[in-house]
Amino acid sequence: MHQTDRVLRQFGFRQLIPLTPEVLDDEHKINLRKSNTHWPVFFLEYIEIWENWYNHINTHELIIVPELTCTPSYMPWFRIHGKLYLLSEE
């Protein structure tokens, strides 16, 4: 599923430390040509998420002061796990 917790600042919310991404490797290996599979039942979990999208809208704390665009713990986390500069490999 989409990891909306990684783009909160783009929508006016304070950026938190993102959750660990969901691994969908098994879903990518599924052979969709199986004729004996009832796909709506097989993918019921994801269909329910899609149909209840309104329950998954981010409702986090809005940015009021530009200096507070991140939670205090986000920037130390980002310095370890993020990319400080996007440079070409030259």
N, C-alpha and C. Protein backbone atom coordinates (compact mmCIF):
# COMPACT_ATOMS: atom_id res chain seq x y z
N MET A 1 0.82 -1.17 0.00
CA MET A 1 0.00 0.00 0.00
C MET A 1 0.87 1.25 0.00
N HIS A 2 0.27 2.36 -0.28
CA HIS A 2 1.02 3.61 -0.28
C HIS A 2 1.43 3.97 1.13
N GLN A 3 2.63 4.49 1.26
CA GLN A 3 3.17 4.85 2.56
C GLN A 3 3.07 6.36 2.74
N THR A 4 1.88 6.80 3.09
CA THR A 4 1.61 8.23 3.17
C THR A 4 2.34 8.92 4.31
N ASP A 5 2.84 8.14 5.27
CA ASP A 5 3.55 8.76 6.38
C ASP A 5 4.91 9.32 5.95
N ARG A 6 5.33 9.05 4.72
CA ARG A 6 6.61 9.55 4.21
C ARG A 6 6.50 10.90 3.51
N VAL A 7 5.30 11.38 3.28
CA VAL A 7 5.11 12.64 2.54
C VAL A 7 4.20 13.61 3.28
N LEU A 8 4.18 13.55 4.59
CA LEU A 8 3.26 14.38 5.36
C LEU A 8 3.49 15.87 5.14
N ARG A 9 4.76 16.31 5.04
CA ARG A 9 5.05 17.74 4.87
C ARG A 9 4.44 18.29 3.59
N GLN A 10 4.36 17.48 2.55
CA GLN A 10 3.80 17.94 1.28
C GLN A 10 2.32 18.28 1.40
N PHE A 11 1.67 17.78 2.44
CA PHE A 11 0.25 18.03 2.63
C PHE A 11 -0.02 18.90 3.85
N GLY A 12 1.02 19.59 4.33
CA GLY A 12 0.84 20.55 5.41
C GLY A 12 0.87 19.97 6.81
N PHE A 13 1.32 18.72 6.95
CA PHE A 13 1.40 18.10 8.27
C PHE A 13 2.84 18.04 8.74
N ARG A 14 3.03 17.93 10.06
CA ARG A 14 4.37 17.76 10.61
C ARG A 14 4.91 16.38 10.23
N GLN A 15 6.19 16.34 9.84
CA GLN A 15 6.80 15.08 9.43
C GLN A 15 7.22 14.28 10.65
N LEU A 16 6.76 13.04 10.71
CA LEU A 16 7.14 12.10 11.76
C LEU A 16 8.18 11.13 11.21
N ILE A 17 8.79 10.35 12.08
CA ILE A 17 9.66 9.27 11.62
C ILE A 17 8.78 8.23 10.95
N PRO A 18 9.05 7.90 9.68
CA PRO A 18 8.19 6.95 8.97
C PRO A 18 8.24 5.55 9.57
N LEU A 19 7.15 4.83 9.40
CA LEU A 19 7.09 3.43 9.82
C LEU A 19 7.92 2.58 8.86
N THR A 20 8.28 1.40 9.28
CA THR A 20 9.00 0.48 8.41
C THR A 20 8.09 0.12 7.24
N PRO A 21 8.63 0.17 5.99
CA PRO A 21 7.78 -0.10 4.82
C PRO A 21 7.22 -1.52 4.82
N GLU A 22 6.02 -1.64 4.29
CA GLU A 22 5.40 -2.96 4.13
C GLU A 22 6.06 -3.65 2.94
N VAL A 23 6.46 -4.90 3.12
CA VAL A 23 7.11 -5.66 2.06
C VAL A 23 6.04 -6.42 1.29
N LEU A 24 5.96 -6.16 -0.02
CA LEU A 24 4.95 -6.79 -0.86
C LEU A 24 5.57 -7.76 -1.86
N ASP A 25 6.72 -8.34 -1.53
CA ASP A 25 7.41 -9.24 -2.45
C ASP A 25 6.54 -10.44 -2.83
N ASP A 26 5.83 -11.01 -1.87
CA ASP A 26 5.00 -12.18 -2.16
C ASP A 26 3.87 -11.84 -3.14
N GLU A 27 3.29 -10.64 -3.02
CA GLU A 27 2.22 -10.24 -3.91
C GLU A 27 2.72 -10.07 -5.35
N HIS A 28 3.98 -9.69 -5.52
CA HIS A 28 4.52 -9.51 -6.87
C HIS A 28 4.80 -10.84 -7.57
N LYS A 29 4.86 -11.91 -6.83
CA LYS A 29 5.15 -13.23 -7.41
C LYS A 29 3.89 -14.01 -7.77
N ILE A 30 2.72 -13.44 -7.54
CA ILE A 30 1.46 -14.14 -7.79
C ILE A 30 1.21 -14.25 -9.29
N ASN A 31 0.89 -15.45 -9.75
CA ASN A 31 0.57 -15.68 -11.15
C ASN A 31 -0.91 -15.38 -11.35
N LEU A 32 -1.22 -14.28 -12.01
CA LEU A 32 -2.60 -13.86 -12.21
C LEU A 32 -3.33 -14.66 -13.29
N ARG A 33 -2.66 -15.60 -13.91
CA ARG A 33 -3.28 -16.41 -14.96
C ARG A 33 -3.93 -17.68 -14.42
N LYS A 34 -3.90 -17.87 -13.10
CA LYS A 34 -4.55 -19.04 -12.52
C LYS A 34 -6.06 -18.90 -12.70
N SER A 35 -6.66 -19.80 -13.46
CA SER A 35 -8.09 -19.68 -13.77
C SER A 35 -8.97 -20.20 -12.64
N ASN A 36 -8.41 -20.99 -11.74
CA ASN A 36 -9.23 -21.57 -10.67
C ASN A 36 -9.20 -20.74 -9.38
N THR A 37 -8.68 -19.52 -9.44
CA THR A 37 -8.60 -18.66 -8.25
C THR A 37 -9.71 -17.62 -8.29
N HIS A 38 -10.40 -17.46 -7.18
CA HIS A 38 -11.44 -16.45 -7.06
C HIS A 38 -10.76 -15.18 -6.54
N TRP A 39 -10.36 -14.31 -7.43
CA TRP A 39 -9.53 -13.15 -7.09
C TRP A 39 -10.16 -12.18 -6.11
N PRO A 40 -11.46 -11.89 -6.17
CA PRO A 40 -12.03 -10.99 -5.16
C PRO A 40 -11.88 -11.51 -3.73
N VAL A 41 -11.91 -12.83 -3.56
CA VAL A 41 -11.71 -13.40 -2.23
C VAL A 41 -10.22 -13.39 -1.88
N PHE A 42 -9.39 -13.72 -2.85
CA PHE A 42 -7.94 -13.78 -2.65
C PHE A 42 -7.39 -12.42 -2.21
N PHE A 43 -7.86 -11.33 -2.80
CA PHE A 43 -7.37 -9.98 -2.50
C PHE A 43 -8.33 -9.19 -1.62
N LEU A 44 -9.17 -9.88 -0.85
CA LEU A 44 -10.19 -9.23 -0.04
C LEU A 44 -9.61 -8.18 0.91
N GLU A 45 -8.47 -8.47 1.52
CA GLU A 45 -7.85 -7.51 2.45
C GLU A 45 -7.59 -6.17 1.77
N TYR A 46 -7.03 -6.21 0.57
CA TYR A 46 -6.69 -4.98 -0.15
C TYR A 46 -7.93 -4.30 -0.73
N ILE A 47 -8.90 -5.07 -1.12
CA ILE A 47 -10.15 -4.50 -1.63
C ILE A 47 -10.87 -3.73 -0.53
N GLU A 48 -10.86 -4.28 0.69
CA GLU A 48 -11.49 -3.59 1.81
C GLU A 48 -10.77 -2.29 2.15
N ILE A 49 -9.45 -2.28 2.07
CA ILE A 49 -8.70 -1.04 2.30
C ILE A 49 -9.08 -0.01 1.24
N TRP A 50 -9.16 -0.44 -0.01
CA TRP A 50 -9.52 0.47 -1.10
C TRP A 50 -10.93 1.03 -0.92
N GLU A 51 -11.87 0.17 -0.55
CA GLU A 51 -13.26 0.61 -0.39
C GLU A 51 -13.45 1.51 0.84
N ASN A 52 -12.58 1.39 1.82
CA ASN A 52 -12.66 2.20 3.04
C ASN A 52 -11.54 3.24 3.07
N TRP A 53 -11.23 3.80 1.92
CA TRP A 53 -10.11 4.74 1.81
C TRP A 53 -10.28 5.93 2.74
N TYR A 54 -11.50 6.32 3.02
CA TYR A 54 -11.74 7.48 3.86
C TYR A 54 -11.18 7.28 5.28
N ASN A 55 -11.14 6.04 5.74
CA ASN A 55 -10.61 5.73 7.06
C ASN A 55 -9.08 5.79 7.10
N HIS A 56 -8.44 5.91 5.96
CA HIS A 56 -6.98 5.92 5.89
C HIS A 56 -6.41 7.29 5.54
N ILE A 57 -7.22 8.32 5.58
CA ILE A 57 -6.73 9.67 5.29
C ILE A 57 -5.92 10.15 6.49
N ASN A 58 -4.76 10.74 6.19
CA ASN A 58 -3.92 11.25 7.26
C ASN A 58 -4.59 12.41 7.98
N THR A 59 -4.62 12.35 9.28
CA THR A 59 -5.16 13.44 10.10
C THR A 59 -4.17 13.72 11.21
N HIS A 60 -3.00 14.18 10.82
CA HIS A 60 -1.94 14.47 11.78
C HIS A 60 -1.95 15.94 12.14
N GLU A 61 -0.98 16.32 12.95
CA GLU A 61 -0.86 17.69 13.41
C GLU A 61 -0.43 18.61 12.27
N LEU A 62 -1.18 19.69 12.07
CA LEU A 62 -0.86 20.65 11.01
C LEU A 62 0.35 21.48 11.38
N ILE A 63 1.07 21.98 10.36
CA ILE A 63 2.22 22.86 10.58
C ILE A 63 1.68 24.26 10.86
N ILE A 64 2.06 24.83 11.98
CA ILE A 64 1.63 26.18 12.31
C ILE A 64 2.80 27.15 12.16
N VAL A 65 3.96 26.75 12.66
CA VAL A 65 5.17 27.57 12.58
C VAL A 65 6.14 26.82 11.67
N PRO A 66 6.72 27.47 10.64
CA PRO A 66 7.60 26.77 9.71
C PRO A 66 8.77 26.03 10.38
N GLU A 67 9.25 26.51 11.52
CA GLU A 67 10.36 25.84 12.19
C GLU A 67 9.95 24.49 12.77
N LEU A 68 8.65 24.26 12.87
CA LEU A 68 8.15 23.03 13.47
C LEU A 68 7.61 22.06 12.42
N THR A 69 8.20 22.05 11.23
CA THR A 69 7.71 21.16 10.17
C THR A 69 7.98 19.70 10.47
N CYS A 70 8.90 19.43 11.39
CA CYS A 70 9.22 18.06 11.76
C CYS A 70 9.08 17.91 13.28
N THR A 71 8.85 16.70 13.71
CA THR A 71 8.88 16.45 15.15
C THR A 71 10.33 16.54 15.60
N PRO A 72 10.60 16.86 16.87
CA PRO A 72 11.98 17.00 17.33
C PRO A 72 12.86 15.77 17.07
N SER A 73 12.28 14.59 17.07
CA SER A 73 13.08 13.37 16.87
C SER A 73 13.33 13.05 15.40
N TYR A 74 12.63 13.75 14.46
CA TYR A 74 12.75 13.40 13.04
C TYR A 74 14.12 13.73 12.46
N MET A 75 14.65 14.92 12.69
CA MET A 75 15.91 15.33 12.04
C MET A 75 17.10 14.46 12.47
N PRO A 76 17.28 14.13 13.75
CA PRO A 76 18.37 13.19 14.09
C PRO A 76 18.19 11.84 13.39
N TRP A 77 16.94 11.37 13.30
CA TRP A 77 16.67 10.12 12.60
C TRP A 77 17.04 10.25 11.12
N PHE A 78 16.65 11.37 10.49
CA PHE A 78 16.90 11.58 9.07
C PHE A 78 18.39 11.64 8.76
N ARG A 79 19.18 12.26 9.64
CA ARG A 79 20.63 12.35 9.41
C ARG A 79 21.28 10.98 9.36
N ILE A 80 20.69 10.00 10.04
CA ILE A 80 21.23 8.64 10.03
C ILE A 80 20.67 7.83 8.87
N HIS A 81 19.38 7.94 8.61
CA HIS A 81 18.70 7.08 7.64
C HIS A 81 18.41 7.73 6.29
N GLY A 82 18.48 9.03 6.19
CA GLY A 82 18.10 9.72 4.96
C GLY A 82 19.30 10.08 4.09
N LYS A 83 19.02 10.77 3.01
CA LYS A 83 20.05 11.26 2.11
C LYS A 83 20.12 12.77 2.28
N LEU A 84 21.22 13.25 2.84
CA LEU A 84 21.34 14.68 3.09
C LEU A 84 21.44 15.48 1.80
N TYR A 85 22.13 14.90 0.80
CA TYR A 85 22.31 15.59 -0.47
C TYR A 85 22.05 14.61 -1.60
N LEU A 86 21.36 15.05 -2.63
CA LEU A 86 21.12 14.21 -3.81
C LEU A 86 22.12 14.60 -4.87
N LEU A 87 23.22 13.87 -4.93
CA LEU A 87 24.31 14.16 -5.85
C LEU A 87 24.43 13.03 -6.87
N SER A 88 24.91 13.37 -8.06
CA SER A 88 25.18 12.34 -9.06
C SER A 88 26.44 11.58 -8.65
N GLU A 89 26.59 10.36 -9.18
CA GLU A 89 27.74 9.53 -8.86
C GLU A 89 28.91 9.86 -9.75
N GLU A 90 29.55 10.98 -9.54
CA GLU A 90 30.71 11.37 -10.35
C GLU A 90 31.94 11.40 -9.51
